[in-house]
């Protein structure tokens, strides 16, 4: 019956579109259009206009969303630049609702012309910010996450359909070729999204049920196809190998997974109470991309329910405000059904690194009040377009009060400061996070001595750390395309050091006279770990061998 309804609808759409769409125009400005704004400009609100050739476009998009994967033809004007031959469909899982105009949208610009793009982007993903009366959750989360790992760009935009104002949306950078090439240099590896929109038929009876993207190991490769959507031509065997190593060889998981990036993702989820994620009930809303070094990279997605808009951890009922504020930083550390957390945190060093990430995220974004100031700035940009939105889910009063107070009688969406002010203090005083990490200092790389004829052919890195360090590690690479390698630095017997301070050194052989070393340092003591530089994910130390040989 469902297929019949879908097929009945298609001829109507086809007849309606006949002769109405003009011939394709590639990015041609409309009349009186100034130079187009950058798509993800943070200081302005953009504008997207869709022309869908049917008056009952909501019913048409609902049918396509519910009964299939097809899209409707449309023409698109993005900040004054027009693109014909595009398609549009409703997107989203928990954020989609039948019959609503203000649903999330997915727009494909290059449907009929593969070369067509807007500033290099071929897909537009619009979030309706469902269950976010503040409309800042997704923007704020992605901005904070981008300090520590690859994250989508975001911006606000007003959406019009057939000249009707639908509302202000969050425009989110899609996880596709431009994103992957920008962050990883390639778009050739396997790409998976945790969670599926449509469950495949004929699932093998031996498959585990309702495990979503938990990354539990399964013998039958077909079982993974009911829990992940693939965005590449292959890679199922590699995904299965990732889960096998998690289950059976966790000590070797770094061979197939970027462990540090994964720990950052898990730390971000925990600090910002993002439970509509791997860290919550269903283990969804993240991507895995297999990079040029054959390691899977995690990428977060669908963050409108972060900051405790979604409240279920998978154990018991939804959490109340106090429980959300006091969410355990080691949530799921003993949960066998969340191996990405429990198996990684079994390793004592990984656990210290994860807690160091939580400490850093909290200090750099919440204890210092950054998040509140930024949330106010973001909200201030959209006061007028939000108020003008006749399709908005929340009232203007809800929007105004949503930073500091709970909104809603049923859903009860916590205010950002109401949640995070107490959460930040809770994390600061949590016993696992009050253990003082070693502070790395005195980092030097030995240069060639004066009057010495022999040129250096290696990098000799030295550093010190306080608070009784047990070990110091040097993470290094000789090309920014390579994954970091790690070396256990040797302790030196250096006279005159203060009590509790130790000195360490390590030598990295150069791969040529023009070698460039990227590196950062980690020191651990009994209770905690600390990095230098703190911004190593974006700005590691860098030294050229040619400079050392001057």
Protein backbone atom coordinates (compact mmCIF):
# COMPACT_ATOMS: atom_id res chain seq x y z
CA UNK A 1 0.00 0.00 0.00
CA UNK A 2 2.81 2.42 0.82
CA UNK A 3 4.47 1.82 -2.55
CA UNK A 4 1.16 2.37 -4.31
CA UNK A 5 0.67 5.76 -2.66
CA UNK A 6 4.21 6.76 -3.59
CA UNK A 7 3.72 5.77 -7.22
CA UNK A 8 0.43 7.65 -7.43
CA UNK A 9 2.17 10.82 -6.34
CA UNK A 10 5.02 10.71 -8.85
CA UNK A 11 3.00 11.33 -12.04
CA UNK A 12 1.44 14.39 -10.44
CA UNK A 13 4.88 15.81 -9.70
CA UNK A 14 6.13 14.97 -13.18
CA UNK A 15 3.18 16.69 -14.84
CA UNK A 16 3.54 19.70 -12.58
CA UNK A 17 7.21 20.15 -13.39
CA UNK A 18 6.77 19.96 -17.15
CA UNK A 19 7.98 23.13 -18.82
CA UNK A 20 8.27 25.15 -15.61
CA UNK A 21 11.98 24.86 -14.85
CA UNK A 22 14.21 27.12 -16.98
CA UNK A 23 17.38 25.80 -18.55
CA UNK A 24 20.35 25.33 -16.21
CA UNK A 25 22.23 28.48 -15.27
CA UNK A 26 25.50 28.06 -13.37
CA UNK A 27 25.73 30.50 -10.48
CA UNK A 28 24.36 33.47 -12.41
CA UNK A 29 23.43 36.45 -10.20
CA UNK A 30 19.85 37.68 -10.25
CA UNK A 31 19.08 41.35 -10.84
CA UNK A 32 20.67 43.83 -8.42
CA UNK A 33 22.60 41.08 -6.64
CA UNK A 34 25.79 42.15 -4.84
CA UNK A 35 28.79 39.82 -4.70
CA UNK A 36 27.68 36.61 -3.00
CA UNK A 37 28.54 36.18 0.67
CA UNK A 38 30.66 33.22 1.79
CA UNK A 39 28.24 30.35 2.38
CA UNK A 40 29.34 29.86 5.99
CA UNK A 41 29.87 33.49 6.90
CA UNK A 42 29.52 33.84 10.68
CA UNK A 43 28.70 37.55 10.73
CA UNK A 44 25.69 37.65 8.42
CA UNK A 45 22.46 35.74 7.85
CA UNK A 46 22.21 34.19 4.39
CA UNK A 47 19.20 33.62 2.18
CA UNK A 48 18.15 30.53 0.22
CA UNK A 49 15.13 30.52 -2.10
CA UNK A 50 13.64 27.32 -3.50
CA UNK A 51 11.18 27.13 -6.38
CA UNK A 52 9.41 23.78 -6.16
CA UNK A 53 7.04 23.14 -9.09
CA UNK A 54 4.05 21.98 -7.07
CA UNK A 55 1.73 23.91 -4.78
CA UNK A 56 1.41 21.06 -2.26
CA UNK A 57 5.17 20.69 -1.87
CA UNK A 58 4.95 19.65 1.80
CA UNK A 59 2.84 16.57 0.99
CA UNK A 60 5.13 15.74 -1.92
CA UNK A 61 8.27 15.95 0.23
CA UNK A 62 6.57 13.99 3.02
CA UNK A 63 5.75 11.18 0.60
CA UNK A 64 9.29 11.01 -0.72
CA UNK A 65 10.72 11.11 2.82
CA UNK A 66 8.46 8.36 4.14
CA UNK A 67 8.26 6.00 1.18
CA UNK A 68 11.57 6.34 -0.59
CA UNK A 69 14.88 8.12 -1.08
CA UNK A 70 14.03 10.24 -4.11
CA UNK A 71 13.98 14.05 -4.23
CA UNK A 72 11.90 16.73 -5.93
CA UNK A 73 13.29 18.91 -8.72
CA UNK A 74 13.84 22.52 -7.74
CA UNK A 75 15.66 25.66 -8.69
CA UNK A 76 17.73 27.31 -5.96
CA UNK A 77 18.89 30.86 -5.35
CA UNK A 78 21.66 31.05 -2.73
CA UNK A 79 22.47 34.58 -1.60
CA UNK A 80 21.46 35.86 -5.02
CA UNK A 81 23.10 33.19 -7.18
CA UNK A 82 20.74 30.92 -9.10
CA UNK A 83 21.13 27.18 -9.80
CA UNK A 84 18.68 25.14 -11.87
CA UNK A 85 18.53 21.38 -12.17
CA UNK A 86 18.80 20.90 -8.37
CA UNK A 87 16.75 18.61 -6.13
CA UNK A 88 15.37 18.86 -2.60
CA UNK A 89 14.03 16.50 0.05
CA UNK A 90 13.21 16.55 3.75
CA UNK A 91 15.98 15.15 5.94
CA UNK A 92 16.39 14.23 9.59
CA UNK A 93 15.38 11.46 11.98
CA UNK A 94 14.12 12.77 15.32
CA UNK A 95 14.03 16.25 13.76
CA UNK A 96 11.58 15.33 10.97
CA UNK A 97 7.78 15.52 11.40
CA UNK A 98 5.10 14.82 8.82
CA UNK A 99 3.01 17.77 7.67
CA UNK A 100 5.38 20.53 8.76
CA UNK A 101 6.76 23.18 6.46
CA UNK A 102 9.62 23.90 8.83
CA UNK A 103 11.34 20.52 8.49
CA UNK A 104 15.07 20.03 7.88
CA UNK A 105 16.01 20.20 4.19
CA UNK A 106 18.62 18.54 2.01
CA UNK A 107 19.42 20.24 -1.30
CA UNK A 108 21.52 18.71 -4.06
CA UNK A 109 22.86 21.29 -6.51
CA UNK A 110 24.53 18.98 -9.02
CA UNK A 111 21.70 16.56 -9.76
CA UNK A 112 21.57 17.23 -13.52
CA UNK A 113 24.94 18.95 -13.89
CA UNK A 114 27.71 17.18 -11.97
CA UNK A 115 29.97 20.21 -12.23
CA UNK A 116 27.45 22.60 -10.69
CA UNK A 117 28.40 23.88 -7.24
CA UNK A 118 28.16 26.92 -5.01
CA UNK A 119 31.62 27.99 -3.87
CA UNK A 120 32.73 24.36 -4.18
CA UNK A 121 29.74 22.92 -2.32
CA UNK A 122 27.33 20.60 -4.11
CA UNK A 123 25.01 19.86 -1.17
CA UNK A 124 23.18 22.13 1.26
CA UNK A 125 22.03 20.72 4.62
CA UNK A 126 19.57 22.90 6.54
CA UNK A 127 18.79 22.15 10.19
CA UNK A 128 15.49 23.40 11.60
CA UNK A 129 17.04 23.41 15.10
CA UNK A 130 14.29 21.15 16.41
CA UNK A 131 13.95 21.12 20.21
CA UNK A 132 16.35 24.03 20.45
CA UNK A 133 14.43 27.19 21.37
CA UNK A 134 17.72 29.10 21.59
CA UNK A 135 18.72 28.11 18.02
CA UNK A 136 22.39 28.14 19.07
CA UNK A 137 23.07 24.53 20.09
CA UNK A 138 24.31 23.23 16.75
CA UNK A 139 26.28 26.39 15.94
CA UNK A 140 27.92 26.59 19.36
CA UNK A 141 28.78 22.89 19.53
CA UNK A 142 30.38 22.83 16.08
CA UNK A 143 32.40 25.97 16.81
CA UNK A 144 33.76 24.50 20.04
CA UNK A 145 34.40 21.09 18.47
CA UNK A 146 36.31 22.69 15.58
CA UNK A 147 39.01 23.81 18.04
CA UNK A 148 39.96 20.19 18.64
CA UNK A 149 38.93 18.03 15.65
CA UNK A 150 37.48 18.31 12.14
CA UNK A 151 33.97 19.75 12.38
CA UNK A 152 31.39 21.14 9.97
CA UNK A 153 31.17 24.85 9.32
CA UNK A 154 27.81 26.39 10.18
CA UNK A 155 25.93 29.61 9.50
CA UNK A 156 22.42 31.02 9.73
CA UNK A 157 20.25 31.40 6.64
CA UNK A 158 16.67 32.40 5.90
CA UNK A 159 14.71 29.92 3.79
CA UNK A 160 11.96 30.76 1.29
CA UNK A 161 9.95 28.18 -0.66
CA UNK A 162 7.91 29.44 -3.62
CA UNK A 163 8.40 32.98 -2.23
CA UNK A 164 6.96 32.02 1.18
CA UNK A 165 9.22 32.66 4.17
CA UNK A 166 9.62 29.31 5.98
CA UNK A 167 12.00 30.44 8.72
CA UNK A 168 15.59 30.87 9.80
CA UNK A 169 17.72 27.72 9.60
CA UNK A 170 21.20 26.52 10.48
CA UNK A 171 23.18 25.77 7.33
CA UNK A 172 25.59 22.89 8.07
CA UNK A 173 28.57 21.87 5.96
CA UNK A 174 27.89 18.43 4.54
CA UNK A 175 30.26 15.52 5.17
CA UNK A 176 31.24 14.92 1.56
CA UNK A 177 34.11 15.51 -0.86
CA UNK A 178 34.87 19.20 -0.03
CA UNK A 179 34.86 18.52 3.72
CA UNK A 180 36.97 15.37 3.51
CA UNK A 181 39.50 16.86 1.10
CA UNK A 182 39.81 19.96 3.28
CA UNK A 183 40.49 18.05 6.49
CA UNK A 184 42.10 14.81 5.31
CA UNK A 185 43.47 15.64 1.87
CA UNK A 186 41.61 12.78 0.17
CA UNK A 187 38.18 11.55 -0.80
CA UNK A 188 39.07 7.99 -1.68
CA UNK A 189 38.47 6.08 1.55
CA UNK A 190 35.42 4.36 2.97
CA UNK A 191 32.78 6.63 4.50
CA UNK A 192 30.05 5.46 6.88
CA UNK A 193 27.28 7.18 8.83
CA UNK A 194 26.07 5.55 12.04
CA UNK A 195 22.35 4.86 11.93
CA UNK A 196 20.15 4.16 8.91
CA UNK A 197 17.08 6.01 7.65
CA UNK A 198 15.57 2.91 6.04
CA UNK A 199 16.32 -0.54 7.45
CA UNK A 200 17.35 -3.03 4.73
CA UNK A 201 15.18 -6.04 4.09
CA UNK A 202 16.20 -9.63 4.82
CA UNK A 203 18.46 -8.89 7.76
CA UNK A 204 20.22 -12.14 8.75
CA UNK A 205 18.53 -13.68 11.82
CA UNK A 206 21.86 -13.98 13.63
CA UNK A 207 22.38 -10.18 13.70
CA UNK A 208 22.26 -8.34 16.99
CA UNK A 209 19.15 -6.18 17.27
CA UNK A 210 18.97 -2.43 17.92
CA UNK A 211 22.70 -1.88 18.36
CA UNK A 212 22.78 1.01 15.85
CA UNK A 213 26.33 2.37 15.45
CA UNK A 214 27.71 0.90 18.67
CA UNK A 215 30.55 -0.83 16.75
CA UNK A 216 29.94 -4.21 18.35
CA UNK A 217 31.63 -6.98 16.40
CA UNK A 218 29.49 -9.30 14.23
CA UNK A 219 30.61 -12.34 12.23
CA UNK A 220 28.17 -11.70 9.39
CA UNK A 221 29.22 -8.72 7.29
CA UNK A 222 25.60 -8.09 6.23
CA UNK A 223 24.68 -7.24 9.83
CA UNK A 224 26.59 -3.95 9.57
CA UNK A 225 24.35 -2.83 6.70
CA UNK A 226 21.38 -2.52 9.05
CA UNK A 227 23.30 -0.15 11.32
CA UNK A 228 25.43 2.01 9.00
CA UNK A 229 24.80 3.91 5.78
CA UNK A 230 27.71 3.80 3.35
CA UNK A 231 28.82 6.86 1.42
CA UNK A 232 31.54 5.18 -0.64
CA UNK A 233 31.90 2.33 -3.08
CA UNK A 234 33.19 -0.13 -0.51
CA UNK A 235 34.61 -0.56 2.94
CA UNK A 236 32.37 -2.99 4.82
CA UNK A 237 35.25 -5.39 5.44
CA UNK A 238 37.37 -2.57 6.86
CA UNK A 239 34.51 -1.48 9.15
CA UNK A 240 34.15 -5.05 10.39
CA UNK A 241 37.91 -5.19 11.06
CA UNK A 242 37.61 -2.02 13.15
CA UNK A 243 34.97 -3.66 15.34
CA UNK A 244 37.00 -6.89 15.54
CA UNK A 245 40.05 -5.04 16.82
CA UNK A 246 37.91 -3.15 19.33
CA UNK A 247 36.56 -6.45 20.65
CA UNK A 248 39.59 -8.70 20.38
CA UNK A 249 42.74 -6.55 20.02
CA UNK A 250 42.07 -3.22 21.74
CA UNK A 251 45.81 -2.71 22.26
CA UNK A 252 46.18 -2.54 18.44
CA UNK A 253 43.15 -0.38 17.72
CA UNK A 254 45.41 2.55 16.79
CA UNK A 255 46.30 0.67 13.59
CA UNK A 256 42.78 1.22 12.21
CA UNK A 257 41.38 4.12 14.26
CA UNK A 258 42.60 7.61 15.14
CA UNK A 259 42.32 7.05 18.88
CA UNK A 260 43.10 10.61 19.95
CA UNK A 261 40.44 12.12 17.66
CA UNK A 262 37.98 9.55 18.99
CA UNK A 263 38.78 10.52 22.57
CA UNK A 264 38.19 14.17 21.63
CA UNK A 265 34.79 13.29 20.17
CA UNK A 266 33.78 11.35 23.27
CA UNK A 267 35.01 14.14 25.55
CA UNK A 268 33.06 16.77 23.59
CA UNK A 269 29.91 14.62 23.79
CA UNK A 270 30.28 14.27 27.53
CA UNK A 271 31.08 17.87 28.43
CA UNK A 272 28.27 19.29 26.29
CA UNK A 273 25.79 16.55 27.27
CA UNK A 274 25.33 15.41 23.68
CA UNK A 275 23.35 12.22 24.24
CA UNK A 276 21.86 11.98 20.75
CA UNK A 277 25.25 10.53 19.81
CA UNK A 278 27.49 7.55 20.43
CA UNK A 279 27.55 8.57 24.09
CA UNK A 280 23.76 8.32 24.49
CA UNK A 281 21.08 5.72 24.03
CA UNK A 282 21.39 4.81 20.35
CA UNK A 283 25.04 5.29 19.27
CA UNK A 284 24.16 7.39 16.22
CA UNK A 285 24.94 10.73 14.55
CA UNK A 286 28.59 10.33 13.70
CA UNK A 287 30.57 9.46 10.59
CA UNK A 288 33.63 7.27 10.17
CA UNK A 289 36.00 8.12 7.32
CA UNK A 290 38.95 5.87 6.44
CA UNK A 291 41.75 8.29 5.62
CA UNK A 292 44.88 7.98 3.48
CA UNK A 293 46.68 6.28 6.38
CA UNK A 294 44.00 3.56 6.52
CA UNK A 295 42.69 4.76 9.88
CA UNK A 296 39.06 5.60 10.58
CA UNK A 297 38.41 9.20 11.59
CA UNK A 298 35.29 10.10 13.63
CA UNK A 299 33.19 13.11 12.60
CA UNK A 300 30.20 14.36 14.56
CA UNK A 301 26.80 15.14 13.05
CA UNK A 302 23.25 16.31 13.95
CA UNK A 303 23.94 18.36 17.05
CA UNK A 304 20.66 20.24 17.52
CA UNK A 305 19.82 17.99 20.49
CA UNK A 306 23.12 18.63 22.28
CA UNK A 307 23.31 20.51 25.58
CA UNK A 308 20.79 18.07 27.08
CA UNK A 309 17.94 18.59 24.64
CA UNK A 310 18.02 14.79 24.41
CA UNK A 311 18.30 13.21 27.85
CA UNK A 312 18.59 9.42 27.63
CA UNK A 313 21.87 7.57 28.18
CA UNK A 314 20.39 4.18 27.31
CA UNK A 315 19.95 3.12 30.92
CA UNK A 316 16.68 3.94 32.65
CA UNK A 317 14.41 6.87 31.87
CA UNK A 318 15.33 10.38 30.77
CA UNK A 319 17.62 12.28 33.15
CA UNK A 320 16.40 15.28 35.11
CA UNK A 321 18.25 18.59 35.15
CA UNK A 322 20.43 17.78 38.15
CA UNK A 323 21.48 14.44 36.69
CA UNK A 324 22.34 16.15 33.40
CA UNK A 325 24.41 18.77 35.19
CA UNK A 326 26.20 15.99 37.07
CA UNK A 327 26.61 13.57 34.17
CA UNK A 328 29.48 11.20 34.97
CA UNK A 329 32.58 12.09 32.90
CA UNK A 330 33.24 8.33 32.75
CA UNK A 331 29.75 7.48 31.50
CA UNK A 332 29.76 4.01 29.81
CA UNK A 333 33.37 3.31 30.84
CA UNK A 334 32.24 -0.17 31.94
CA UNK A 335 29.53 -0.66 29.32
CA UNK A 336 30.40 -3.63 27.08
CA UNK A 337 27.75 -2.48 24.58
CA UNK A 338 29.64 0.80 24.04
CA UNK A 339 33.07 -0.60 23.06
CA UNK A 340 34.31 2.68 21.59
CA UNK A 341 34.20 4.03 25.15
CA UNK A 342 34.75 1.00 27.36
CA UNK A 343 37.51 -0.64 25.31
CA UNK A 344 39.44 2.60 24.77
CA UNK A 345 39.19 3.70 28.40
CA UNK A 346 40.44 0.34 29.65
CA UNK A 347 43.88 1.57 28.67
CA UNK A 348 45.16 3.72 31.58
CA UNK A 349 46.90 6.21 29.31
CA UNK A 350 43.85 6.60 27.06
CA UNK A 351 41.77 7.28 30.13
CA UNK A 352 44.17 10.01 31.29
CA UNK A 353 44.18 11.56 27.80
CA UNK A 354 40.38 11.50 27.64
CA UNK A 355 40.11 13.21 31.04
CA UNK A 356 42.73 15.76 29.95
CA UNK A 357 40.55 16.56 26.94
CA UNK A 358 37.50 17.00 29.18
CA UNK A 359 39.49 19.32 31.45
CA UNK A 360 40.73 21.39 28.52
CA UNK A 361 37.29 21.71 26.87
CA UNK A 362 35.78 22.79 30.17
CA UNK A 363 38.50 25.34 30.96
CA UNK A 364 38.70 26.89 27.49
CA UNK A 365 34.98 27.17 26.80
CA UNK A 366 32.84 26.96 29.92
CA UNK A 367 34.62 27.90 33.13
CA UNK A 368 35.76 31.13 31.46
CA UNK A 369 32.25 32.02 30.24
CA UNK A 370 33.13 31.88 26.53
CA UNK A 371 30.08 29.76 25.64
CA UNK A 372 27.60 32.21 27.16
CA UNK A 373 29.10 35.23 25.42
CA UNK A 374 29.19 33.40 22.09
CA UNK A 375 25.62 32.11 22.50
CA UNK A 376 24.40 35.65 23.09
CA UNK A 377 26.23 36.85 19.97
CA UNK A 378 24.73 34.08 17.84
CA UNK A 379 21.22 34.63 19.13
CA UNK A 380 21.51 38.37 18.55
CA UNK A 381 22.07 37.75 14.84
CA UNK A 382 18.68 36.11 14.33
CA UNK A 383 16.28 38.02 16.59
CA UNK A 384 14.44 39.62 13.65
CA UNK A 385 14.25 36.59 11.29
CA UNK A 386 13.21 34.37 14.21
CA UNK A 387 10.42 36.74 15.21
CA UNK A 388 9.23 36.97 11.59
CA UNK A 389 8.98 33.18 11.31
CA UNK A 390 5.29 32.16 11.30
CA UNK A 391 6.22 28.46 11.32
CA UNK A 392 8.46 28.55 14.41
CA UNK A 393 7.99 25.84 17.01
CA UNK A 394 8.78 28.05 19.99
CA UNK A 395 7.50 31.49 20.84
CA UNK A 396 9.58 34.64 20.83
CA UNK A 397 9.41 34.65 24.65
CA UNK A 398 10.77 31.08 24.71
CA UNK A 399 13.59 32.19 22.40
CA UNK A 400 14.40 35.12 24.69
CA UNK A 401 14.46 33.02 27.88
CA UNK A 402 16.08 29.87 26.48
CA UNK A 403 19.66 30.74 27.41
CA UNK A 404 18.98 30.92 31.12
CA UNK A 405 15.76 28.98 31.79
CA UNK A 406 14.08 25.68 30.99
CA UNK A 407 11.61 25.95 28.12
CA UNK A 408 8.64 23.64 27.60
CA UNK A 409 6.37 21.71 29.92
CA UNK A 410 6.77 18.33 28.24
CA UNK A 411 10.19 18.30 26.59
CA UNK A 412 11.75 20.63 29.19
CA UNK A 413 14.73 21.89 27.23
CA UNK A 414 17.31 23.22 29.74
CA UNK A 415 18.63 26.73 29.33
CA UNK A 416 22.27 26.73 28.28
CA UNK A 417 23.62 28.63 31.28
CA UNK A 418 21.20 26.81 33.59
CA UNK A 419 22.80 23.56 32.44
CA UNK A 420 26.42 24.45 31.78
CA UNK A 421 27.26 26.82 34.67
CA UNK A 422 26.69 24.05 37.20
CA UNK A 423 28.04 21.36 34.89
CA UNK A 424 31.30 23.24 34.43
CA UNK A 425 31.73 23.53 38.21
CA UNK A 426 30.78 19.87 38.67
CA UNK A 427 33.46 18.76 36.22
CA UNK A 428 36.05 21.08 37.73
CA UNK A 429 35.61 19.49 41.16
CA UNK A 430 35.05 15.89 40.05
CA UNK A 431 37.63 13.58 41.72
CA UNK A 432 38.80 12.24 38.35
CA UNK A 433 39.48 15.78 37.14
CA UNK A 434 41.13 17.31 40.20
CA UNK A 435 44.25 15.18 39.83
CA UNK A 436 46.98 17.60 38.78
CA UNK A 437 48.66 16.77 35.46
CA UNK A 438 52.37 17.28 34.83
CA UNK A 439 53.22 20.59 33.18
CA UNK A 440 55.61 20.19 30.25
CA UNK A 441 58.21 22.96 29.89
CA UNK A 442 61.69 23.73 28.60
CA UNK A 443 61.12 22.18 25.18
CA UNK A 444 64.19 22.50 22.96
CA UNK A 445 65.47 20.95 19.75
CA UNK A 446 69.26 20.72 19.57
CA UNK A 447 70.90 22.78 16.84
CA UNK A 448 74.32 22.44 15.26
CA UNK A 449 77.08 23.80 17.47
CA UNK A 450 79.17 26.75 16.34
CA UNK A 451 82.18 25.85 14.18
CA UNK A 452 80.92 22.27 13.88
CA UNK A 453 81.41 20.99 10.32
CA UNK A 454 79.20 17.93 10.52
CA UNK A 455 75.54 18.77 9.80
CA UNK A 456 72.78 17.28 11.89
CA UNK A 457 70.76 14.48 10.33
CA UNK A 458 68.35 13.98 13.23
CA UNK A 459 66.08 15.98 15.53
CA UNK A 460 67.08 15.81 19.22
CA UNK A 461 64.07 16.92 21.30
CA UNK A 462 64.40 17.62 25.03
CA UNK A 463 61.78 18.68 27.59
CA UNK A 464 61.02 18.73 31.31
CA UNK A 465 57.89 18.05 33.34
CA UNK A 466 56.94 18.61 36.97
CA UNK A 467 54.64 16.82 39.45
CA UNK A 468 56.64 13.59 39.42
CA UNK A 469 56.10 12.43 35.83
CA UNK A 470 56.27 8.72 35.19
CA UNK A 471 56.72 8.92 31.42
CA UNK A 472 56.97 11.43 28.59
CA UNK A 473 55.90 10.72 25.01
CA UNK A 474 56.90 12.44 21.78
CA UNK A 475 54.24 12.40 19.05
CA UNK A 476 55.80 13.25 15.69
CA UNK A 477 55.45 13.17 11.93
CA UNK A 478 57.71 14.17 9.04
CA UNK A 479 54.85 15.00 6.67
CA UNK A 480 51.49 16.59 7.37
CA UNK A 481 49.94 13.78 5.31
CA UNK A 482 51.22 11.16 7.75
CA UNK A 483 49.64 9.97 10.95
CA UNK A 484 51.56 10.82 14.11
CA UNK A 485 53.95 8.19 15.44
CA UNK A 486 54.71 8.04 19.14
CA UNK A 487 58.01 7.49 20.93
CA UNK A 488 58.61 6.90 24.61
CA UNK A 489 61.19 9.57 25.54
CA UNK A 490 64.23 8.59 27.60
CA UNK A 491 64.67 10.03 31.08
CA UNK A 492 67.89 11.99 31.58
CA UNK A 493 69.90 12.29 34.77
CA UNK A 494 70.05 16.06 34.93
CA UNK A 495 71.59 17.66 38.01
CA UNK A 496 70.00 20.59 39.80
CA UNK A 497 66.36 19.95 38.90
CA UNK A 498 63.75 20.87 41.53
CA UNK A 499 62.01 18.11 43.46
CA UNK A 500 59.40 16.34 41.32
CA UNK A 501 60.85 17.60 38.01
CA UNK A 502 62.35 15.22 35.46
CA UNK A 503 64.04 15.76 32.10
CA UNK A 504 63.51 13.64 29.00
CA UNK A 505 64.93 13.39 25.49
CA UNK A 506 64.23 11.65 22.19
CA UNK A 507 65.88 11.48 18.77
CA UNK A 508 64.04 11.35 15.43
CA UNK A 509 66.02 10.51 12.31
CA UNK A 510 65.42 13.02 9.51
CA UNK A 511 64.27 11.88 6.07
CA UNK A 512 66.42 14.42 4.22
CA UNK A 513 68.19 17.75 4.54
CA UNK A 514 64.88 19.60 4.04
CA UNK A 515 63.04 17.56 6.68
CA UNK A 516 60.32 19.26 8.71
CA UNK A 517 59.24 17.84 12.06
CA UNK A 518 55.74 18.36 13.46
CA UNK A 519 55.52 17.27 17.08
CA UNK A 520 53.87 17.60 20.45
CA UNK A 521 54.60 16.19 23.87
CA UNK A 522 52.55 14.31 26.44
CA UNK A 523 53.63 13.70 30.02
CA UNK A 524 51.82 11.49 32.52
CA UNK A 525 52.10 10.99 36.25
CA UNK A 526 50.22 8.58 38.49
CA UNK A 527 46.91 10.43 38.23
CA UNK A 528 46.78 12.57 35.09
CA UNK A 529 48.32 13.60 31.77
CA UNK A 530 49.18 16.94 30.20
CA UNK A 531 50.05 18.13 26.67
CA UNK A 532 52.27 20.80 25.17
CA UNK A 533 51.27 22.69 23.18
CA UNK A 534 47.67 22.63 24.35
CA UNK A 535 46.61 23.52 20.80
CA UNK A 536 48.49 20.58 19.28
CA UNK A 537 45.49 19.41 17.24
CA UNK A 538 45.68 22.62 15.18
CA UNK A 539 49.14 24.04 15.90
CA UNK A 540 51.79 21.45 16.83
CA UNK A 541 55.40 22.46 17.30
CA UNK A 542 57.20 22.67 13.95
CA UNK A 543 60.94 22.78 13.24
CA UNK A 544 62.98 22.58 10.02
CA UNK A 545 66.24 20.64 9.95
CA UNK A 546 67.74 23.36 7.76
CA UNK A 547 67.19 25.89 10.56
CA UNK A 548 68.98 23.66 13.05
CA UNK A 549 71.95 23.41 10.67
CA UNK A 550 72.43 27.15 10.21
